[in-house]
PDB file of N, CA and C in Angstrom:
ATOM      1  N   MET A   1      33.630 -83.866 -58.086  1.00  0.00           N
ATOM      2  CA  MET A   1      32.532 -83.242 -56.939  1.00  0.00           C
ATOM      3  C   MET A   1      31.439 -84.152 -57.870  1.00  0.00           C
ATOM      4  N   LYS A   2      30.511 -84.252 -56.391  1.00  0.00           N
ATOM      5  CA  LYS A   2      29.376 -85.087 -57.075  1.00  0.00           C
ATOM      6  C   LYS A   2      28.486 -84.455 -57.816  1.00  0.00           C
ATOM      7  N   ARG A   3      27.748 -85.180 -58.842  1.00  0.00           N
ATOM      8  CA  ARG A   3      27.009 -84.828 -59.385  1.00  0.00           C
ATOM      9  C   ARG A   3      25.769 -83.824 -59.097  1.00  0.00           C
ATOM     10  N   LYS A   4      25.113 -84.854 -57.741  1.00  0.00           N
ATOM     11  CA  LYS A   4      24.274 -84.012 -57.343  1.00  0.00           C
ATOM     12  C   LYS A   4      24.758 -82.524 -57.039  1.00  0.00           C
ATOM     13  N   ASP A   5      25.473 -82.496 -56.509  1.00  0.00           N
ATOM     14  CA  ASP A   5      25.822 -80.656 -55.767  1.00  0.00           C
ATOM     15  C   ASP A   5      26.145 -80.096 -56.944  1.00  0.00           C
ATOM     16  N   PHE A   6      26.861 -80.783 -58.289  1.00  0.00           N
ATOM     17  CA  PHE A   6      27.198 -79.914 -59.385  1.00  0.00           C
ATOM     18  C   PHE A   6      25.681 -79.289 -60.295  1.00  0.00           C
ATOM     19  N   ILE A   7      24.962 -80.363 -60.082  1.00  0.00           N
ATOM     20  CA  ILE A   7      23.586 -79.892 -60.666  1.00  0.00           C
ATOM     21  C   ILE A   7      23.055 -78.920 -59.800  1.00  0.00           C
ATOM     22  N   ASP A   8      22.972 -79.106 -58.504  1.00  0.00           N
ATOM     23  CA  ASP A   8      22.189 -77.906 -57.640  1.00  0.00           C
ATOM     24  C   ASP A   8      22.521 -76.209 -57.726  1.00  0.00           C
ATOM     25  N   HIS A   9      24.147 -76.482 -57.946  1.00  0.00           N
ATOM     26  CA  HIS A   9      24.992 -75.179 -58.432  1.00  0.00           C
ATOM     27  C   HIS A   9      24.483 -74.671 -59.707  1.00  0.00           C
ATOM     28  N   ILE A  10      24.278 -75.439 -60.721  1.00  0.00           N
ATOM     29  CA  ILE A  10      23.851 -74.682 -61.647  1.00  0.00           C
ATOM     30  C   ILE A  10      22.425 -74.418 -62.006  1.00  0.00           C
ATOM     31  N   THR A  11      21.793 -74.836 -61.445  1.00  0.00           N
ATOM     32  CA  THR A  11      20.505 -74.642 -61.003  1.00  0.00           C
ATOM     33  C   THR A  11      19.946 -73.490 -60.333  1.00  0.00           C
ATOM     34  N   LYS A  12      20.815 -73.309 -59.752  1.00  0.00           N
ATOM     35  CA  LYS A  12      20.808 -72.017 -58.534  1.00  0.00           C
ATOM     36  C   LYS A  12      21.532 -70.690 -59.315  1.00  0.00           C
ATOM     37  N   LYS A  13      22.050 -71.025 -60.399  1.00  0.00           N
ATOM     38  CA  LYS A  13      22.652 -70.090 -60.929  1.00  0.00           C
ATOM     39  C   LYS A  13      21.672 -69.937 -62.511  1.00  0.00           C
ATOM     40  N   GLY A  14      20.469 -70.556 -62.315  1.00  0.00           N
ATOM     41  CA  GLY A  14      19.482 -69.913 -63.318  1.00  0.00           C
ATOM     42  C   GLY A  14      19.380 -70.857 -64.682  1.00  0.00           C
ATOM     43  N   CYS A  15      20.091 -72.305 -64.552  1.00  0.00           N
ATOM     44  CA  CYS A  15      20.226 -73.238 -65.857  1.00  0.00           C
ATOM     45  C   CYS A  15      19.145 -73.835 -65.729  1.00  0.00           C
ATOM     46  N   ILE A  16      18.918 -74.391 -66.853  1.00  0.00           N
ATOM     47  CA  ILE A  16      17.717 -75.255 -66.974  1.00  0.00           C
ATOM     48  C   ILE A  16      17.435 -76.603 -67.403  1.00  0.00           C
ATOM     49  N   PHE A  17      16.961 -77.729 -67.444  1.00  0.00           N
ATOM     50  CA  PHE A  17      17.275 -79.186 -67.575  1.00  0.00           C
ATOM     51  C   PHE A  17      16.600 -79.245 -69.099  1.00  0.00           C
ATOM     52  N   VAL A  18      16.860 -79.457 -70.242  1.00  0.00           N
ATOM     53  CA  VAL A  18      16.976 -79.506 -71.541  1.00  0.00           C
ATOM     54  C   VAL A  18      16.068 -81.025 -71.780  1.00  0.00           C
ATOM     55  N   ARG A  19      16.881 -81.778 -71.568  1.00  0.00           N
ATOM     56  CA  ARG A  19      16.756 -83.158 -72.334  1.00  0.00           C
ATOM     57  C   ARG A  19      17.604 -84.494 -71.351  1.00  0.00           C
ATOM     58  N   GLU A  20      17.148 -85.281 -71.566  1.00  0.00           N
ATOM     59  CA  GLU A  20      18.138 -86.392 -71.225  1.00  0.00           C
ATOM     60  C   GLU A  20      18.993 -87.169 -72.217  1.00  0.00           C
ATOM     61  N   GLY A  21      20.050 -87.701 -72.433  1.00  0.00           N
ATOM     62  CA  GLY A  21      20.806 -88.229 -73.836  1.00  0.00           C
ATOM     63  C   GLY A  21      20.979 -89.615 -73.410  1.00  0.00           C
ATOM     64  N   GLY A  22      21.707 -90.528 -73.904  1.00  0.00           N
ATOM     65  CA  GLY A  22      22.291 -92.174 -73.479  1.00  0.00           C
ATOM     66  C   GLY A  22      22.992 -91.845 -72.530  1.00  0.00           C
ATOM     67  N   SER A  23      23.741 -90.818 -72.735  1.00  0.00           N
ATOM     68  CA  SER A  23      24.867 -91.015 -71.102  1.00  0.00           C
ATOM     69  C   SER A  23      25.079 -89.324 -71.035  1.00  0.00           C
ATOM     70  N   HIS A  24      24.285 -88.748 -71.097  1.00  0.00           N
ATOM     71  CA  HIS A  24      24.561 -87.440 -70.706  1.00  0.00           C
ATOM     72  C   HIS A  24      23.250 -86.744 -70.499  1.00  0.00           C
ATOM     73  N   THR A  25      23.166 -85.763 -69.814  1.00  0.00           N
ATOM     74  CA  THR A  25      22.204 -84.860 -69.349  1.00  0.00           C
ATOM     75  C   THR A  25      22.019 -82.975 -70.254  1.00  0.00           C
ATOM     76  N   VAL A  26      21.319 -82.848 -70.692  1.00  0.00           N
ATOM     77  CA  VAL A  26      21.668 -81.491 -71.554  1.00  0.00           C
ATOM     78  C   VAL A  26      21.103 -80.245 -70.258  1.00  0.00           C
ATOM     79  N   TYR A  27      21.630 -79.216 -70.404  1.00  0.00           N
ATOM     80  CA  TYR A  27      21.429 -77.937 -69.679  1.00  0.00           C
ATOM     81  C   TYR A  27      21.584 -76.704 -70.118  1.00  0.00           C
ATOM     82  N   LYS A  28      20.696 -75.455 -70.226  1.00  0.00           N
ATOM     83  CA  LYS A  28      20.594 -74.260 -70.845  1.00  0.00           C
ATOM     84  C   LYS A  28      20.637 -73.473 -69.701  1.00  0.00           C
ATOM     85  N   ASN A  29      21.482 -72.503 -70.106  1.00  0.00           N
ATOM     86  CA  ASN A  29      21.223 -71.238 -69.604  1.00  0.00           C
ATOM     87  C   ASN A  29      20.582 -70.292 -70.235  1.00  0.00           C
ATOM     88  N   PRO A  30      19.525 -69.886 -70.080  1.00  0.00           N
ATOM     89  CA  PRO A  30      18.312 -69.286 -71.203  1.00  0.00           C
ATOM     90  C   PRO A  30      18.746 -67.697 -71.276  1.00  0.00           C
ATOM     91  N   ALA A  31      19.536 -67.276 -70.158  1.00  0.00           N
ATOM     92  CA  ALA A  31      19.856 -66.072 -69.585  1.00  0.00           C
ATOM     93  C   ALA A  31      20.902 -65.495 -70.876  1.00  0.00           C
ATOM     94  N   LYS A  32      22.203 -66.555 -71.246  1.00  0.00           N
ATOM     95  CA  LYS A  32      23.096 -66.534 -72.430  1.00  0.00           C
ATOM     96  C   LYS A  32      22.778 -67.346 -73.450  1.00  0.00           C
ATOM     97  N   ASN A  33      21.925 -68.035 -73.711  1.00  0.00           N
ATOM     98  CA  ASN A  33      21.194 -68.825 -74.765  1.00  0.00           C
ATOM     99  C   ASN A  33      22.433 -69.993 -75.109  1.00  0.00           C
ATOM    100  N   LYS A  34      22.580 -70.378 -73.592  1.00  0.00           N
ATOM    101  CA  LYS A  34      23.959 -71.592 -73.856  1.00  0.00           C
ATOM    102  C   LYS A  34      23.679 -72.798 -73.650  1.00  0.00           C
ATOM    103  N   LYS A  35      23.630 -73.994 -74.244  1.00  0.00           N
ATOM    104  CA  LYS A  35      23.568 -75.120 -73.796  1.00  0.00           C
ATOM    105  C   LYS A  35      25.009 -75.918 -73.691  1.00  0.00           C
ATOM    106  N   THR A  36      25.270 -76.853 -72.933  1.00  0.00           N
ATOM    107  CA  THR A  36      26.111 -77.948 -72.645  1.00  0.00           C
ATOM    108  C   THR A  36      25.525 -79.321 -71.965  1.00  0.00           C
ATOM    109  N   THR A  37      26.418 -80.040 -72.131  1.00  0.00           N
ATOM    110  CA  THR A  37      26.019 -81.800 -71.624  1.00  0.00           C
ATOM    111  C   THR A  37      26.656 -81.730 -70.513  1.00  0.00           C
ATOM    112  N   ILE A  38      26.029 -82.852 -69.355  1.00  0.00           N
ATOM    113  CA  ILE A  38      26.784 -83.006 -68.075  1.00  0.00           C
ATOM    114  C   ILE A  38      26.679 -84.261 -68.272  1.00  0.00           C
ATOM    115  N   PRO A  39      27.643 -85.448 -68.107  1.00  0.00           N
ATOM    116  CA  PRO A  39      27.949 -87.046 -68.031  1.00  0.00           C
ATOM    117  C   PRO A  39      26.934 -87.487 -66.866  1.00  0.00           C
ATOM    118  N   ARG A  40      26.773 -88.709 -67.120  1.00  0.00           N
ATOM    119  CA  ARG A  40      25.720 -89.143 -65.957  1.00  0.00           C
ATOM    120  C   ARG A  40      26.710 -89.907 -65.071  1.00  0.00           C
ATOM    121  N   HIS A  41      27.931 -89.790 -64.236  1.00  0.00           N
ATOM    122  CA  HIS A  41      28.843 -90.488 -63.267  1.00  0.00           C
ATOM    123  C   HIS A  41      28.393 -89.757 -62.339  1.00  0.00           C
ATOM    124  N   ASN A  42      28.614 -90.460 -61.169  1.00  0.00           N
ATOM    125  CA  ASN A  42      28.359 -90.300 -59.615  1.00  0.00           C
ATOM    126  C   ASN A  42      29.440 -88.991 -59.373  1.00  0.00           C
ATOM    127  N   GLU A  43      30.555 -89.067 -60.010  1.00  0.00           N
ATOM    128  CA  GLU A  43      31.737 -88.331 -59.792  1.00  0.00           C
ATOM    129  C   GLU A  43      32.137 -87.846 -61.135  1.00  0.00           C
ATOM    130  N   ILE A  44      32.021 -86.375 -60.990  1.00  0.00           N
ATOM    131  CA  ILE A  44      32.409 -85.106 -62.372  1.00  0.00           C
ATOM    132  C   ILE A  44      33.988 -84.970 -61.634  1.00  0.00           C
ATOM    133  N   ASP A  45      34.816 -84.562 -62.834  1.00  0.00           N
ATOM    134  CA  ASP A  45      35.920 -83.991 -62.338  1.00  0.00           C
ATOM    135  C   ASP A  45      35.780 -82.684 -62.481  1.00  0.00           C
ATOM    136  N   ASP A  46      36.968 -82.216 -61.375  1.00  0.00           N
ATOM    137  CA  ASP A  46      36.855 -80.658 -61.089  1.00  0.00           C
ATOM    138  C   ASP A  46      37.084 -79.689 -62.327  1.00  0.00           C
ATOM    139  N   LEU A  47      37.749 -80.399 -63.085  1.00  0.00           N
ATOM    140  CA  LEU A  47      38.074 -79.332 -64.096  1.00  0.00           C
ATOM    141  C   LEU A  47      36.840 -79.312 -64.851  1.00  0.00           C
ATOM    142  N   LEU A  48      36.023 -80.629 -65.167  1.00  0.00           N
ATOM    143  CA  LEU A  48      35.212 -80.673 -66.435  1.00  0.00           C
ATOM    144  C   LEU A  48      34.089 -79.638 -65.634  1.00  0.00           C
ATOM    145  N   CYS A  49      33.944 -80.047 -64.225  1.00  0.00           N
ATOM    146  CA  CYS A  49      32.925 -78.808 -63.597  1.00  0.00           C
ATOM    147  C   CYS A  49      33.326 -77.346 -64.095  1.00  0.00           C
ATOM    148  N   LYS A  50      34.507 -76.908 -64.124  1.00  0.00           N
ATOM    149  CA  LYS A  50      34.787 -75.672 -64.591  1.00  0.00           C
ATOM    150  C   LYS A  50      34.561 -75.279 -65.658  1.00  0.00           C
ATOM    151  N   LYS A  51      35.053 -76.390 -66.800  1.00  0.00           N
ATOM    152  CA  LYS A  51      34.806 -75.717 -68.301  1.00  0.00           C
ATOM    153  C   LYS A  51      33.137 -76.249 -68.180  1.00  0.00           C
ATOM    154  N   ILE A  52      32.314 -76.748 -67.634  1.00  0.00           N
ATOM    155  CA  ILE A  52      31.225 -76.758 -68.073  1.00  0.00           C
ATOM    156  C   ILE A  52      30.341 -75.505 -67.471  1.00  0.00           C
ATOM    157  N   CYS A  53      30.784 -74.979 -66.341  1.00  0.00           N
ATOM    158  CA  CYS A  53      30.559 -73.546 -66.220  1.00  0.00           C
ATOM    159  C   CYS A  53      30.817 -72.660 -67.087  1.00  0.00           C
ATOM    160  N   LYS A  54      31.823 -72.773 -67.682  1.00  0.00           N
ATOM    161  CA  LYS A  54      32.950 -71.600 -68.513  1.00  0.00           C
ATOM    162  C   LYS A  54      31.593 -72.068 -69.721  1.00  0.00           C
ATOM    163  N   GLN A  55      31.189 -72.883 -70.086  1.00  0.00           N
ATOM    164  CA  GLN A  55      30.334 -72.816 -71.549  1.00  0.00           C
ATOM    165  C   GLN A  55      29.291 -72.338 -71.172  1.00  0.00           C
ATOM    166  N   LEU A  56      28.697 -72.785 -70.132  1.00  0.00           N
ATOM    167  CA  LEU A  56      27.390 -72.032 -69.292  1.00  0.00           C
ATOM    168  C   LEU A  56      27.631 -70.408 -69.212  1.00  0.00           C
ATOM    169  N   GLU A  57      28.386 -70.125 -69.256  1.00  0.00           N
ATOM    170  CA  GLU A  57      28.671 -68.958 -68.815  1.00  0.00           C
ATOM    171  C   GLU A  57      28.014 -68.244 -67.311  1.00  0.00           C
ATOM    172  N   ILE A  58      28.663 -68.856 -66.492  1.00  0.00           N
ATOM    173  CA  ILE A  58      28.142 -68.910 -65.143  1.00  0.00           C
ATOM    174  C   ILE A  58      29.227 -69.068 -64.161  1.00  0.00           C
ATOM    175  N   PRO A  59      29.400 -68.609 -62.807  1.00  0.00           N
ATOM    176  CA  PRO A  59      30.660 -68.745 -61.883  1.00  0.00           C
ATOM    177  C   PRO A  59      30.544 -69.929 -61.501  1.00  0.00           C
ATOM    178  N   SER A  60      32.179 -70.491 -61.768  1.00  0.00           N
ATOM    179  CA  SER A  60      32.018 -72.162 -61.081  1.00  0.00           C
ATOM    180  C   SER A  60      32.536 -72.036 -59.887  1.00  0.00           C
ATOM    181  N   ILE A  61      32.367 -73.246 -59.204  1.00  0.00           N
ATOM    182  CA  ILE A  61      32.426 -73.601 -57.727  1.00  0.00           C
ATOM    183  C   ILE A  61      33.648 -73.062 -56.965  1.00  0.00           C
TER     184      ILE A  61
END
């Protein structure tokens, strides 16, 4: 999945940008108080997308 599409999905579900790291971006779900990192690659594996959604406690794509 394209990183831009995935970022659009999680922001529509209420997640917010926290900070940029060296090779990752940190996003937070303020409703559930959950944080996770998203790699800064053009493509993100679908299984990783599902895992990130699970960590943020939002529905996966």
